[in-house]
């Protein structure tokens, strides 16, 4: 049996409990010390380093933001929702 010690990503406390699931069905956790909620780091869905490098390379070639979006093809919803969708 493997026991995984989960640390709060905000305050590094071990005083963490399960706190339901988000709308995607991913397990959420809540820290008793700072009272903030979070996912496990591997459950985050941020952009990969390769994807970011591809976007930055296209942008440095003086392509417009629309041209970059055409090349890497993120959804329109992502572009509109996150003004700067590279972060």
Protein backbone atom coordinates (compact mmCIF):
# COMPACT_ATOMS: atom_id res chain seq x y z
CA UNK A 1 0.00 0.00 0.00
CA UNK A 2 1.42 3.36 -1.06
CA UNK A 3 0.53 6.42 0.97
CA UNK A 4 0.84 9.70 -0.88
CA UNK A 5 1.48 12.81 1.19
CA UNK A 6 -0.22 15.77 -0.43
CA UNK A 7 0.98 19.29 0.35
CA UNK A 8 -1.06 22.44 -0.08
CA UNK A 9 0.27 24.23 -3.14
CA UNK A 10 -0.29 27.62 -1.47
CA UNK A 11 1.10 27.22 2.07
CA UNK A 12 2.88 23.80 1.87
CA UNK A 13 0.84 22.43 4.79
CA UNK A 14 0.08 18.71 5.12
CA UNK A 15 -3.29 19.46 6.72
CA UNK A 16 -5.26 18.72 3.51
CA UNK A 17 -8.59 16.94 2.96
CA UNK A 18 -10.63 15.93 -0.08
CA UNK A 19 -13.12 18.63 -1.08
CA UNK A 20 -15.35 17.15 -3.78
CA UNK A 21 -14.88 17.35 -7.53
CA UNK A 22 -14.92 20.19 -10.01
CA UNK A 23 -17.17 20.39 -13.09
CA UNK A 24 -14.71 18.26 -15.10
CA UNK A 25 -14.83 15.53 -12.46
CA UNK A 26 -11.29 16.16 -11.17
CA UNK A 27 -10.73 15.65 -7.44
CA UNK A 28 -10.38 18.89 -5.44
CA UNK A 29 -8.56 19.29 -2.14
CA UNK A 30 -8.91 21.86 0.64
CA UNK A 31 -6.25 23.03 3.06
CA UNK A 32 -7.39 23.42 6.66
CA UNK A 33 -4.67 25.97 7.39
CA UNK A 34 -5.11 28.50 4.57
CA UNK A 35 -8.64 27.33 3.58
CA UNK A 36 -7.84 27.38 -0.13
CA UNK A 37 -8.80 24.67 -2.61
CA UNK A 38 -6.64 23.16 -5.34
CA UNK A 39 -6.06 20.18 -7.65
CA UNK A 40 -3.12 17.84 -7.51
CA UNK A 41 -0.34 19.30 -9.69
CA UNK A 42 -0.63 16.51 -12.28
CA UNK A 43 -4.36 17.24 -12.66
CA UNK A 44 -3.79 20.82 -13.80
CA UNK A 45 -4.45 21.34 -17.47
CA UNK A 46 -2.00 24.05 -18.35
CA UNK A 47 -0.23 24.23 -21.68
CA UNK A 48 2.85 22.07 -22.16
CA UNK A 49 6.32 23.54 -22.57
CA UNK A 50 6.41 22.31 -26.19
CA UNK A 51 3.14 24.06 -26.99
CA UNK A 52 4.35 27.32 -25.44
CA UNK A 53 7.62 27.10 -27.38
CA UNK A 54 5.68 26.58 -30.62
CA UNK A 55 3.48 29.61 -29.93
CA UNK A 56 6.43 31.83 -28.99
CA UNK A 57 8.36 30.75 -32.09
CA UNK A 58 5.41 31.65 -34.31
CA UNK A 59 4.95 34.97 -32.52
CA UNK A 60 8.65 35.86 -32.83
CA UNK A 61 8.37 35.34 -36.59
CA UNK A 62 6.15 38.44 -36.52
CA UNK A 63 2.94 36.53 -37.10
CA UNK A 64 -0.20 38.23 -35.88
CA UNK A 65 -2.05 36.74 -32.93
CA UNK A 66 -4.68 35.49 -35.37
CA UNK A 67 -1.94 33.87 -37.45
CA UNK A 68 -0.47 32.22 -34.37
CA UNK A 69 -3.92 30.90 -33.46
CA UNK A 70 -4.37 29.52 -36.97
CA UNK A 71 -1.05 27.69 -36.68
CA UNK A 72 -1.53 26.14 -33.24
CA UNK A 73 -5.34 25.96 -33.43
CA UNK A 74 -6.59 26.71 -29.89
CA UNK A 75 -10.34 26.98 -29.63
CA UNK A 76 -11.96 30.37 -30.10
CA UNK A 77 -13.43 30.06 -26.60
CA UNK A 78 -9.93 29.78 -25.12
CA UNK A 79 -8.67 32.84 -26.99
CA UNK A 80 -11.67 34.96 -25.95
CA UNK A 81 -11.91 33.73 -22.36
CA UNK A 82 -8.23 34.24 -21.48
CA UNK A 83 -7.16 37.53 -23.04
CA UNK A 84 -3.57 36.25 -22.89
CA UNK A 85 -4.01 32.50 -23.37
CA UNK A 86 -0.32 31.69 -23.21
CA UNK A 87 -0.11 32.00 -19.42
